[in-house]
Amino acid sequence: MKTKKLALYTGVAAIVIGAGATTLALQAGESAQPSGALAQSGEAGQAITIYKSPNCGCCQSWAEHLAANGFDTRIVETDNLNEIKQQYDVPRDMASCHTALIGDLVIEGHVPANDILAYLEDPQFNTTGLSVPGMPHGTPGMETGRKDDYQVIAFNANGQQRVFREHKDY
């Protein structure tokens, strides 16, 4: 009898978790299919719109990094990046040289493609975006020969922040 109850509870829990994940994905306006499966299958990758200055070479290099890692990149050149950052609630201390969007998720600065994919596979509640503040050497698009330690920070519109990933000795 205990085995039947355990099997029943396990089955119900799996259904509830699956339904919850699907609901969150639908609310986020994204497919319930994990993004990693899209990249591995060779199908079109995640669409990302990148807002950058027309004169920024490192932003172009970051866009190329994303494209090489399966993202479907669209570049919008603008001389008014501050307006974009304000529109999408990027906190001032999270700002970098470009702002990108994947659906409602804001990507600020030189966030590695693998970190974006990891986040998309396991989105965190109440997160507005991911940021690599400033322009650390060694990040994608900032390959200068020097490699600074850096963090990818998850942030929300209320200014709360937490470390999503940390890159040291890479």
Protein backbone atom coordinates (compact mmCIF):
# COMPACT_ATOMS: atom_id res chain seq x y z
CA MET A 1 0.00 0.00 0.00
CA LYS A 2 2.83 2.43 0.85
CA THR A 3 4.44 1.75 -2.54
CA LYS A 4 1.20 2.59 -4.37
CA LYS A 5 0.81 5.85 -2.41
CA LEU A 6 4.43 6.79 -3.10
CA ALA A 7 3.96 6.11 -6.82
CA LEU A 8 0.74 8.12 -6.83
CA TYR A 9 2.32 11.10 -5.03
CA THR A 10 5.38 10.98 -7.30
CA GLY A 11 3.16 10.95 -10.40
CA VAL A 12 1.04 13.85 -9.15
CA ALA A 13 4.16 15.85 -8.25
CA ALA A 14 5.60 15.29 -11.74
CA ILE A 15 2.37 16.48 -13.36
CA VAL A 16 2.19 19.58 -11.15
CA ILE A 17 5.84 20.49 -11.82
CA GLY A 18 5.40 19.97 -15.57
CA ALA A 19 2.23 22.06 -15.65
CA GLY A 20 3.91 24.81 -13.63
CA ALA A 21 6.94 24.92 -15.96
CA THR A 22 4.69 25.07 -19.02
CA THR A 23 2.60 27.85 -17.46
CA LEU A 24 5.70 29.91 -16.63
CA ALA A 25 7.05 29.42 -20.15
CA LEU A 26 3.74 30.52 -21.67
CA GLN A 27 3.58 33.56 -19.39
CA ALA A 28 7.10 34.49 -20.43
CA GLY A 29 6.02 34.21 -24.07
CA GLU A 30 8.55 31.48 -24.77
CA SER A 31 8.30 27.95 -26.03
CA ALA A 32 8.12 25.16 -23.45
CA GLN A 33 10.94 23.43 -25.37
CA PRO A 34 14.34 24.00 -23.73
CA SER A 35 16.58 26.34 -25.68
CA GLY A 36 19.50 23.92 -25.44
CA ALA A 37 17.52 21.39 -27.45
CA LEU A 38 17.04 23.99 -30.17
CA ALA A 39 20.74 24.77 -30.36
CA GLN A 40 21.75 21.11 -30.32
CA SER A 41 19.25 20.09 -32.98
CA GLY A 42 20.59 22.63 -35.47
CA GLU A 43 17.24 24.42 -35.73
CA ALA A 44 16.98 28.20 -35.57
CA GLY A 45 18.36 29.51 -32.29
CA GLN A 46 16.96 32.01 -29.85
CA ALA A 47 16.18 35.34 -31.47
CA ILE A 48 18.05 38.20 -29.82
CA THR A 49 17.85 41.91 -30.68
CA ILE A 50 21.03 43.81 -29.88
CA TYR A 51 20.98 47.59 -29.43
CA LYS A 52 24.46 49.03 -29.92
CA SER A 53 26.33 52.13 -30.99
CA PRO A 54 27.22 52.15 -34.70
CA ASN A 55 30.87 52.79 -33.72
CA CYS A 56 31.37 50.00 -31.16
CA GLY A 57 33.59 47.16 -32.37
CA CYS A 58 33.39 45.11 -29.16
CA CYS A 59 29.59 45.06 -29.40
CA GLN A 60 29.87 43.73 -32.95
CA SER A 61 32.31 41.05 -31.73
CA TRP A 62 29.86 40.04 -28.99
CA ALA A 63 27.06 39.77 -31.56
CA GLU A 64 29.31 37.52 -33.66
CA HIS A 65 30.02 35.40 -30.56
CA LEU A 66 26.27 34.91 -30.08
CA ALA A 67 25.71 34.07 -33.75
CA ALA A 68 28.56 31.52 -33.63
CA ASN A 69 26.79 29.92 -30.66
CA GLY A 70 23.45 29.47 -32.39
CA PHE A 71 21.61 32.71 -31.63
CA ASP A 72 19.58 34.42 -34.35
CA THR A 73 20.99 37.95 -33.96
CA ARG A 74 19.37 41.19 -35.09
CA ILE A 75 21.37 44.37 -34.62
CA VAL A 76 19.77 47.77 -34.14
CA GLU A 77 22.28 50.62 -34.25
CA THR A 78 21.39 53.62 -32.15
CA ASP A 79 23.04 56.71 -30.74
CA ASN A 80 20.65 56.73 -27.78
CA LEU A 81 21.45 53.61 -25.74
CA ASN A 82 20.52 55.33 -22.45
CA GLU A 83 16.92 55.57 -23.62
CA ILE A 84 16.90 51.81 -24.34
CA LYS A 85 18.40 51.05 -20.92
CA GLN A 86 15.78 53.22 -19.20
CA GLN A 87 12.96 51.67 -21.22
CA TYR A 88 13.95 48.17 -20.06
CA ASP A 89 14.75 49.08 -16.42
CA VAL A 90 18.49 48.43 -16.54
CA PRO A 91 19.91 49.66 -13.21
CA ARG A 92 22.70 52.19 -13.64
CA ASP A 93 25.26 49.94 -11.90
CA MET A 94 24.41 47.07 -14.29
CA ALA A 95 24.99 49.14 -17.43
CA SER A 96 27.48 48.26 -20.14
CA CYS A 97 28.10 49.22 -23.75
CA HIS A 98 25.11 47.44 -25.34
CA THR A 99 21.65 46.16 -24.42
CA ALA A 100 19.98 43.11 -25.93
CA LEU A 101 16.56 41.49 -25.64
CA ILE A 102 15.40 37.90 -25.84
CA GLY A 103 11.66 38.25 -25.42
CA ASP A 104 11.30 40.14 -22.13
CA LEU A 105 14.74 39.15 -20.84
CA VAL A 106 17.33 41.95 -20.92
CA ILE A 107 20.96 41.03 -21.61
CA GLU A 108 23.30 43.86 -20.66
CA GLY A 109 26.92 43.81 -21.73
CA HIS A 110 29.25 40.96 -22.60
CA VAL A 111 27.31 38.00 -21.15
CA PRO A 112 28.67 34.71 -22.56
CA ALA A 113 26.31 32.74 -24.82
CA ASN A 114 26.56 29.65 -22.60
CA ASP A 115 25.41 31.64 -19.58
CA ILE A 116 22.42 33.00 -21.51
CA LEU A 117 21.48 29.48 -22.63
CA ALA A 118 21.84 28.16 -19.06
CA TYR A 119 19.55 30.90 -17.80
CA LEU A 120 16.97 30.26 -20.53
CA GLU A 121 16.90 26.57 -19.60
CA ASP A 122 16.25 27.43 -15.94
CA PRO A 123 14.77 30.95 -15.69
CA GLN A 124 14.65 32.51 -12.26
CA PHE A 125 11.47 34.05 -10.88
CA ASN A 126 11.37 37.86 -10.80
CA THR A 127 14.48 38.38 -12.94
CA THR A 128 14.50 41.19 -15.48
CA GLY A 129 17.89 40.45 -16.98
CA LEU A 130 21.49 39.34 -16.90
CA SER A 131 24.44 41.70 -16.92
CA VAL A 132 28.20 41.78 -17.07
CA PRO A 133 28.61 45.36 -15.82
CA GLY A 134 31.32 47.45 -17.40
CA MET A 135 33.55 45.88 -20.01
CA PRO A 136 35.83 43.29 -18.35
CA HIS A 137 38.77 42.04 -20.40
CA GLY A 138 38.38 38.44 -21.53
CA THR A 139 34.61 38.45 -21.86
CA PRO A 140 33.16 37.56 -25.28
CA GLY A 141 33.84 40.52 -27.53
CA MET A 142 36.51 41.88 -25.18
CA GLU A 143 39.26 39.41 -25.98
CA THR A 144 42.28 41.65 -25.49
CA GLY A 145 44.78 39.04 -24.30
CA ARG A 146 44.09 39.89 -20.66
CA LYS A 147 41.49 37.89 -18.71
CA ASP A 148 39.85 39.61 -15.75
CA ASP A 149 37.69 37.69 -13.29
CA TYR A 150 34.06 38.71 -13.70
CA GLN A 151 30.51 37.90 -12.65
CA VAL A 152 27.27 37.56 -14.56
CA ILE A 153 24.64 39.28 -12.41
CA ALA A 154 20.90 38.56 -12.47
CA PHE A 155 18.86 41.69 -11.70
CA ASN A 156 15.25 42.77 -11.44
CA ALA A 157 13.35 46.02 -11.89
CA ASN A 158 13.41 46.68 -8.11
CA GLY A 159 17.20 46.88 -8.13
CA GLN A 160 17.76 43.50 -6.47
CA GLN A 161 20.82 41.64 -7.75
CA ARG A 162 22.45 38.25 -7.30
CA VAL A 163 25.41 36.48 -8.87
CA PHE A 164 24.21 34.09 -11.56
CA ARG A 165 27.65 32.85 -12.71
CA GLU A 166 31.22 33.65 -11.77
CA HIS A 167 34.19 33.40 -14.17
CA LYS A 168 37.66 33.01 -12.63
CA ASP A 169 40.78 31.48 -14.12
CA TYR A 170 39.01 30.64 -17.38
